[in-house]
Amino acid sequence: MSFQPVIVGTGLVGWQFLKSTQESQREVFEAGAQLQRDTEYFAENIGSIQTAEDLVSDLRLRRVALGAFGLQEDINNKFFIQKILEEGTSEPTALANRMADERYKSLTNAFSFDSPLGPRTSLSKFSEEILSRYRAQEFEIAVGNQDENLRLSLNFERNLPEITEEGTTADTQWLRVMGTAPLRKVFETALGLPSSFAQIDLDKQMEVLREKSQSRFGASEIADLAEPEVMEKVIQSFLLQSQIQEFSATSSSQVAVTLLAQIPRTSLFG
């Protein structure tokens, strides 16, 4: 049986414990036999992959490639993934550019099968670039099996700075966040936004996110929100709001059950 991360407590208590033990826990987790086999196989074979079809035809390579970008659920969607990878992102009409989920674009850009210079798979640092993401994602999944909010917090802490490193505009960075479901979930929860928020105009969503982030965290752009101390504020707010929501839902259920129990059986069944 593979090592499962140790989680003590929930919310901020669980987060603080996880942060203080994360380095040692990840070392043990990454030493697991299955993870070792997957990473060694990928490192040994990815350099020979020259086409999207080559990649998706190999289950073990496909599992690592998709897992590195949090797209594990697409493991059996071979032709869909092949099409996304083959089309690339250079054309506005490319499938990856039409997907609301930005992770598909990140996957496509990482491999660059559409590049006239050839894919990035043969680059010396490529395998470790992907494997670093894969190891982190696998650890986060293991954490999420016990506490999904802690998984989202780890993912947020890892992925938000990556967006700022791409050299894109401030608006594009916000669009990347809004198009990446796990990041969006953290922001919306941390800022107390309703579930209907995603239904309003995109420009208005960005405006609201900026205004509320400035008011709550003292920063309105992703470049500033990705600073470690500000990210920690966002994560703490996310965890607190999540606990409040869970407490409210539990309390409402308990009230309903209590009221139902007080209704005479004759009222219920006639």
Protein backbone atom coordinates (compact mmCIF):
# COMPACT_ATOMS: atom_id res chain seq x y z
CA MET A 1 0.00 0.00 0.00
CA SER A 2 1.39 3.41 -0.98
CA PHE A 3 2.06 6.10 1.59
CA GLN A 4 -0.87 8.39 2.28
CA PRO A 5 -0.19 11.95 3.52
CA VAL A 6 -0.95 12.51 7.18
CA ILE A 7 -3.57 15.21 7.74
CA VAL A 8 -4.23 16.47 11.27
CA GLY A 9 -7.32 18.62 11.65
CA THR A 10 -9.22 20.58 9.01
CA GLY A 11 -9.23 24.14 7.76
CA LEU A 12 -6.42 26.36 9.01
CA VAL A 13 -5.29 23.78 11.57
CA GLY A 14 -4.91 21.14 8.88
CA TRP A 15 -3.19 23.62 6.56
CA GLN A 16 -0.61 24.67 9.14
CA PHE A 17 0.21 21.05 9.97
CA LEU A 18 0.49 20.11 6.31
CA LYS A 19 2.76 23.06 5.57
CA SER A 20 5.06 22.22 8.45
CA THR A 21 5.40 18.57 7.39
CA GLN A 22 4.99 18.83 3.62
CA GLU A 23 8.66 18.47 2.68
CA SER A 24 9.22 15.28 4.66
CA GLN A 25 5.85 13.83 3.66
CA ARG A 26 6.50 14.45 -0.03
CA GLU A 27 9.88 12.71 0.19
CA VAL A 28 8.23 9.58 1.54
CA PHE A 29 5.33 9.82 -0.91
CA GLU A 30 7.58 10.22 -3.96
CA ALA A 31 9.63 7.20 -2.92
CA GLY A 32 6.57 5.00 -3.45
CA ALA A 33 7.04 2.13 -5.90
CA GLN A 34 4.26 3.05 -8.34
CA LEU A 35 5.28 6.69 -8.60
CA GLN A 36 8.91 5.67 -9.06
CA ARG A 37 7.99 3.27 -11.86
CA ASP A 38 5.89 5.89 -13.65
CA THR A 39 8.50 8.63 -13.44
CA GLU A 40 11.39 6.37 -14.49
CA TYR A 41 9.45 5.09 -17.48
CA PHE A 42 8.53 8.61 -18.58
CA ALA A 43 12.11 9.87 -18.23
CA GLU A 44 13.46 6.94 -20.24
CA ASN A 45 10.94 7.08 -23.09
CA ILE A 46 9.61 10.60 -23.60
CA GLY A 47 12.67 11.70 -25.60
CA SER A 48 11.74 9.36 -28.44
CA ILE A 49 8.20 10.71 -28.75
CA GLN A 50 7.83 12.88 -31.85
CA THR A 51 4.06 13.03 -32.46
CA ALA A 52 0.88 13.42 -30.46
CA GLU A 53 -0.20 9.99 -31.68
CA ASP A 54 2.99 8.46 -30.26
CA LEU A 55 2.24 10.00 -26.88
CA VAL A 56 -1.43 9.05 -26.56
CA SER A 57 -0.73 5.53 -27.82
CA ASP A 58 1.39 4.82 -24.75
CA LEU A 59 -0.85 4.53 -21.68
CA ARG A 60 1.95 5.09 -19.16
CA LEU A 61 3.27 8.19 -20.91
CA ARG A 62 -0.28 9.48 -21.41
CA ARG A 63 -1.04 9.02 -17.72
CA VAL A 64 1.96 11.08 -16.64
CA ALA A 65 1.44 13.78 -19.30
CA LEU A 66 -2.22 14.32 -18.39
CA GLY A 67 -1.58 13.93 -14.67
CA ALA A 68 1.03 16.68 -14.76
CA PHE A 69 -1.69 19.14 -15.78
CA GLY A 70 -4.48 17.85 -13.59
CA LEU A 71 -6.30 16.25 -16.53
CA GLN A 72 -6.35 12.68 -15.21
CA GLU A 73 -10.03 12.30 -16.00
CA ASP A 74 -9.21 12.43 -19.73
CA ILE A 75 -7.01 9.33 -19.55
CA ASN A 76 -9.39 7.37 -21.81
CA ASN A 77 -10.16 10.25 -24.21
CA LYS A 78 -7.28 9.35 -26.53
CA PHE A 79 -8.56 10.90 -29.76
CA PHE A 80 -9.71 14.09 -28.03
CA ILE A 81 -6.29 14.61 -26.44
CA GLN A 82 -4.50 13.73 -29.67
CA LYS A 83 -6.53 16.33 -31.58
CA ILE A 84 -5.82 19.02 -28.99
CA LEU A 85 -2.10 18.29 -29.05
CA GLU A 86 -1.87 18.12 -32.84
CA GLU A 87 -3.70 21.40 -33.45
CA GLY A 88 -1.52 23.32 -31.01
CA THR A 89 -2.40 26.88 -29.99
CA SER A 90 -1.05 29.10 -32.77
CA GLU A 91 -4.41 29.30 -34.58
CA PRO A 92 -7.31 31.07 -32.79
CA THR A 93 -9.66 28.31 -33.95
CA ALA A 94 -7.49 25.53 -32.46
CA LEU A 95 -9.42 23.28 -30.09
CA ALA A 96 -7.25 24.14 -27.07
CA ASN A 97 -7.97 27.85 -27.61
CA ARG A 98 -11.70 27.16 -27.72
CA MET A 99 -11.74 25.21 -24.46
CA ALA A 100 -12.86 27.12 -21.37
CA ASP A 101 -10.41 25.13 -19.25
CA GLU A 102 -6.95 26.69 -19.59
CA ARG A 103 -5.22 23.47 -18.55
CA TYR A 104 -5.61 22.08 -22.07
CA LYS A 105 -3.72 25.04 -23.48
CA SER A 106 -0.97 24.58 -20.89
CA LEU A 107 -0.66 20.90 -21.83
CA THR A 108 -0.52 21.72 -25.53
CA ASN A 109 2.07 24.47 -25.13
CA ALA A 110 4.25 22.26 -22.92
CA PHE A 111 4.61 19.60 -25.62
CA SER A 112 4.43 21.89 -28.72
CA PHE A 113 3.75 19.10 -31.20
CA ASP A 114 2.64 21.75 -33.72
CA SER A 115 5.96 23.61 -33.64
CA PRO A 116 7.91 23.75 -36.96
CA LEU A 117 11.03 23.22 -34.84
CA GLY A 118 9.67 19.93 -33.53
CA PRO A 119 8.17 19.03 -30.15
CA ARG A 120 9.83 19.91 -26.85
CA THR A 121 10.02 16.23 -25.85
CA SER A 122 13.67 15.91 -26.89
CA LEU A 123 14.86 18.89 -24.84
CA SER A 124 17.26 17.91 -22.05
CA LYS A 125 15.17 19.43 -19.24
CA PHE A 126 11.76 18.52 -20.61
CA SER A 127 11.18 15.26 -18.76
CA GLU A 128 12.02 16.78 -15.38
CA GLU A 129 9.79 19.78 -16.14
CA ILE A 130 6.82 17.47 -16.65
CA LEU A 131 7.76 15.07 -13.86
CA SER A 132 8.07 17.87 -11.34
CA ARG A 133 4.48 18.85 -12.11
CA TYR A 134 3.36 15.22 -12.05
CA ARG A 135 4.86 14.50 -8.62
CA ALA A 136 3.26 17.63 -7.19
CA GLN A 137 -0.13 16.78 -8.70
CA GLU A 138 0.00 13.21 -7.39
CA PHE A 139 0.79 14.42 -3.88
CA GLU A 140 -2.06 16.92 -4.08
CA ILE A 141 -4.44 14.19 -5.20
CA ALA A 142 -3.40 12.05 -2.23
CA VAL A 143 -4.02 15.01 0.08
CA GLY A 144 -7.36 15.65 -1.62
CA ASN A 145 -8.48 12.08 -0.94
CA GLN A 146 -8.58 13.15 2.69
CA ASP A 147 -9.35 16.87 2.42
CA GLU A 148 -10.27 18.47 -0.92
CA ASN A 149 -9.87 22.01 0.42
CA LEU A 150 -6.26 21.34 1.36
CA ARG A 151 -5.65 19.94 -2.12
CA LEU A 152 -7.05 23.12 -3.67
CA SER A 153 -4.86 25.21 -1.37
CA LEU A 154 -1.69 23.35 -2.40
CA ASN A 155 -2.65 23.63 -6.05
CA PHE A 156 -3.27 27.36 -5.68
CA GLU A 157 0.08 27.93 -3.99
CA ARG A 158 1.89 26.07 -6.77
CA ASN A 159 0.01 27.28 -9.85
CA LEU A 160 -0.66 30.97 -9.24
CA PRO A 161 3.03 31.99 -9.46
CA GLU A 162 3.39 29.97 -12.68
CA ILE A 163 0.84 32.22 -14.38
CA THR A 164 2.85 35.32 -13.57
CA GLU A 165 6.00 33.77 -15.06
CA GLU A 166 4.47 33.57 -18.53
CA GLY A 167 5.02 37.28 -19.23
CA THR A 168 1.41 37.88 -20.29
CA THR A 169 -0.73 40.96 -19.65
CA ALA A 170 -2.58 41.55 -16.39
CA ASP A 171 -5.94 40.89 -18.07
CA THR A 172 -4.67 37.64 -19.62
CA GLN A 173 -3.44 36.47 -16.22
CA TRP A 174 -6.86 37.01 -14.71
CA LEU A 175 -8.45 35.18 -17.65
CA ARG A 176 -6.08 32.27 -17.03
CA VAL A 177 -7.22 32.14 -13.40
CA MET A 178 -10.88 32.39 -14.37
CA GLY A 179 -10.40 29.58 -16.90
CA THR A 180 -8.67 27.22 -14.47
CA ALA A 181 -11.35 25.62 -12.30
CA PRO A 182 -9.26 24.90 -9.16
CA LEU A 183 -7.84 28.45 -9.04
CA ARG A 184 -11.20 29.99 -9.73
CA LYS A 185 -12.78 27.95 -6.92
CA VAL A 186 -10.26 29.29 -4.39
CA PHE A 187 -10.79 32.92 -5.37
CA GLU A 188 -14.58 32.71 -5.54
CA THR A 189 -14.80 31.02 -2.13
CA ALA A 190 -12.20 33.28 -0.50
CA LEU A 191 -14.09 36.37 -1.72
CA GLY A 192 -17.51 35.01 -0.72
CA LEU A 193 -18.90 35.09 -4.26
CA PRO A 194 -22.15 33.24 -5.02
CA SER A 195 -22.37 30.17 -7.25
CA SER A 196 -24.18 32.29 -9.86
CA PHE A 197 -21.13 34.54 -10.25
CA ALA A 198 -19.78 32.56 -13.22
CA GLN A 199 -22.91 33.32 -15.22
CA ILE A 200 -22.30 37.07 -15.57
CA ASP A 201 -20.29 38.78 -18.32
CA LEU A 202 -16.56 37.92 -18.28
CA ASP A 203 -15.45 41.55 -18.19
CA LYS A 204 -17.73 42.16 -15.21
CA GLN A 205 -16.40 39.06 -13.48
CA MET A 206 -12.84 40.35 -13.86
CA GLU A 207 -13.86 43.76 -12.55
CA VAL A 208 -15.51 42.26 -9.48
CA LEU A 209 -12.58 39.93 -8.78
CA ARG A 210 -10.14 42.83 -8.96
CA GLU A 211 -12.24 45.10 -6.75
CA LYS A 212 -12.90 42.48 -4.10
CA SER A 213 -9.29 41.23 -4.12
CA GLN A 214 -8.06 44.77 -3.59
CA SER A 215 -10.50 45.30 -0.74
CA ARG A 216 -9.83 41.94 0.95
CA PHE A 217 -6.15 41.31 0.24
CA GLY A 218 -4.73 44.72 -0.72
CA ALA A 219 -3.88 43.59 -4.26
CA SER A 220 -5.87 43.51 -7.49
CA GLU A 221 -3.48 41.92 -10.00
CA ILE A 222 -2.31 38.33 -10.18
CA ALA A 223 1.36 39.38 -10.09
CA ASP A 224 0.79 40.89 -6.64
CA LEU A 225 -1.63 38.23 -5.43
CA ALA A 226 1.02 35.60 -6.26
CA GLU A 227 3.43 37.06 -3.69
CA PRO A 228 3.86 34.45 -0.90
CA GLU A 229 2.44 36.56 1.93
CA VAL A 230 -0.59 37.61 -0.13
CA MET A 231 -1.21 34.06 -1.37
CA GLU A 232 -1.24 32.91 2.22
CA LYS A 233 -3.96 35.48 3.00
CA VAL A 234 -6.04 34.21 0.09
CA ILE A 235 -5.62 30.58 1.16
CA GLN A 236 -6.51 31.35 4.77
CA SER A 237 -9.62 33.21 3.65
CA PHE A 238 -10.55 30.31 1.36
CA LEU A 239 -10.22 27.76 4.16
CA LEU A 240 -12.17 29.90 6.63
CA GLN A 241 -14.97 30.58 4.16
CA SER A 242 -15.10 26.88 3.26
CA GLN A 243 -15.49 25.94 6.91
CA ILE A 244 -18.23 28.55 7.35
CA GLN A 245 -20.09 27.17 4.34
CA GLU A 246 -19.75 23.60 5.59
CA PHE A 247 -20.90 24.60 9.09
CA SER A 248 -23.91 26.46 7.67
CA ALA A 249 -24.88 23.50 5.48
CA THR A 250 -24.53 21.08 8.41
CA SER A 251 -26.48 23.35 10.74
CA SER A 252 -29.29 23.75 8.20
CA SER A 253 -29.50 19.99 7.76
CA GLN A 254 -29.59 19.44 11.51
CA VAL A 255 -32.37 22.01 11.90
CA ALA A 256 -34.37 20.34 9.12
CA VAL A 257 -33.96 16.91 10.70
CA THR A 258 -34.95 18.28 14.13
CA LEU A 259 -38.08 19.96 12.74
CA LEU A 260 -39.00 16.86 10.76
CA ALA A 261 -38.67 14.72 13.86
CA GLN A 262 -41.14 16.98 15.68
CA ILE A 263 -43.88 16.53 13.05
CA PRO A 264 -46.42 13.87 14.09
CA ARG A 265 -46.34 10.75 11.90
CA THR A 266 -50.03 11.27 11.13
CA SER A 267 -49.14 14.64 9.53
CA LEU A 268 -46.55 13.00 7.35
CA PHE A 269 -48.53 10.01 6.15
CA GLY A 270 -52.10 11.16 6.53
